Amino acid sequence: MESFLRNPLPETISELDEQIARIEEMQRACADAVRDLMAREDITNGIVFPQEIHELQQKKNMLETHKQYRRVRRRRLQMLHAGM
C-alpha cells in the first residue's frame, strides 16, 4: 500500500488533488491487471486466477474509499475558504 494512504489526510486542496490523481492511477492499474488476468484465463485447461482477481478488486474498492475521504475533505476545505 502506498505510504500516503497510511498518513493523515492533507490539509491543502492541492495535496488532496494530487493524492486523488494518484489513487485514480492506482485504480486504473488494478482494473488493467484484472482485465489481463481474465484474458489469460483458460478454464478448460484449469488456468484460472480467482484469488488474484478478487484481491485486485478488493484493492480497487479500498482505493475508492480513500478517494471518497479525500473528496469530502476537499469539499470541506473549499467551503472553509469560501467563508461558509
Protein backbone atom coordinates (compact mmCIF):
# COMPACT_ATOMS: atom_id res chain seq x y z
CA MET A 1 0.00 0.00 0.00
CA GLU A 2 1.24 3.47 -0.82
CA SER A 3 2.65 5.30 2.19
CA PHE A 4 0.48 8.38 1.66
CA LEU A 5 -2.63 6.23 2.25
CA ARG A 6 -1.44 5.44 5.79
CA ASN A 7 -0.84 9.08 6.72
CA PRO A 8 -3.47 11.54 7.93
CA LEU A 9 -5.35 13.39 5.22
CA PRO A 10 -3.60 16.50 3.88
CA GLU A 11 -4.77 19.98 4.81
CA THR A 12 -4.45 21.61 1.39
CA ILE A 13 -6.63 21.28 -1.69
CA SER A 14 -3.62 20.90 -3.99
CA GLU A 15 -2.26 17.97 -1.96
CA LEU A 16 -5.69 16.35 -1.95
CA ASP A 17 -5.98 16.78 -5.72
CA GLU A 18 -2.55 15.21 -6.18
CA GLN A 19 -3.46 12.24 -3.99
CA ILE A 20 -6.80 11.76 -5.74
CA ALA A 21 -4.99 11.65 -9.08
CA ARG A 22 -2.51 9.08 -7.74
CA ILE A 23 -5.36 6.96 -6.38
CA GLU A 24 -7.13 7.08 -9.75
CA GLU A 25 -3.92 5.89 -11.44
CA MET A 26 -3.69 3.02 -8.98
CA GLN A 27 -7.35 2.12 -9.63
CA ARG A 28 -6.71 2.05 -13.37
CA ALA A 29 -3.71 -0.21 -12.82
CA CYS A 30 -5.88 -2.60 -10.77
CA ALA A 31 -8.58 -2.64 -13.43
CA ASP A 32 -5.98 -3.28 -16.16
CA ALA A 33 -4.47 -6.13 -14.15
CA VAL A 34 -7.91 -7.71 -13.65
CA ARG A 35 -8.63 -7.48 -17.37
CA ASP A 36 -5.24 -9.04 -18.13
CA LEU A 37 -5.81 -11.93 -15.72
CA MET A 38 -9.29 -12.56 -17.08
CA ALA A 39 -7.95 -12.57 -20.63
CA ARG A 40 -5.25 -15.09 -19.68
CA GLU A 41 -7.69 -17.48 -18.00
CA ASP A 42 -8.27 -20.78 -19.77
CA ILE A 43 -10.98 -22.61 -17.87
CA THR A 44 -10.84 -25.77 -19.98
CA ASN A 45 -7.15 -26.21 -19.10
CA GLY A 46 -7.63 -25.21 -15.47
CA ILE A 47 -5.80 -21.90 -15.72
CA VAL A 48 -7.79 -19.53 -13.52
CA PHE A 49 -6.90 -16.65 -11.22
CA PRO A 50 -9.86 -16.18 -8.84
CA GLN A 51 -7.81 -15.22 -5.79
CA GLU A 52 -5.68 -12.70 -7.65
CA ILE A 53 -8.72 -11.14 -9.34
CA HIS A 54 -10.58 -10.92 -6.03
CA GLU A 55 -7.59 -9.27 -4.30
CA LEU A 56 -7.26 -6.70 -7.09
CA GLN A 57 -10.97 -5.90 -6.95
CA GLN A 58 -10.76 -5.51 -3.16
CA LYS A 59 -7.76 -3.19 -3.56
CA LYS A 60 -9.66 -1.12 -6.12
CA ASN A 61 -12.62 -0.84 -3.70
CA MET A 62 -10.30 0.18 -0.85
CA LEU A 63 -8.78 2.85 -3.08
CA GLU A 64 -12.27 4.14 -3.91
CA THR A 65 -12.92 4.60 -0.18
CA HIS A 66 -9.67 6.54 0.24
CA LYS A 67 -10.59 8.68 -2.76
CA GLN A 68 -14.02 9.46 -1.30
CA TYR A 69 -12.50 10.55 2.02
CA ARG A 70 -10.22 12.94 0.14
CA ARG A 71 -13.09 14.34 -1.91
CA VAL A 72 -15.06 15.05 1.26
CA ARG A 73 -12.04 16.75 2.86
CA ARG A 74 -11.54 18.78 -0.32
CA ARG A 75 -15.15 19.99 -0.28
CA ARG A 76 -14.86 20.95 3.39
CA LEU A 77 -11.71 22.94 2.71
CA GLN A 78 -13.39 24.67 -0.24
CA MET A 79 -16.32 25.62 1.99
CA LEU A 80 -13.96 26.98 4.65
CA HIS A 81 -12.11 29.09 2.05
CA ALA A 82 -15.41 30.36 0.67
CA GLY A 83 -16.44 31.52 4.15
CA MET A 84 -19.36 29.18 4.66
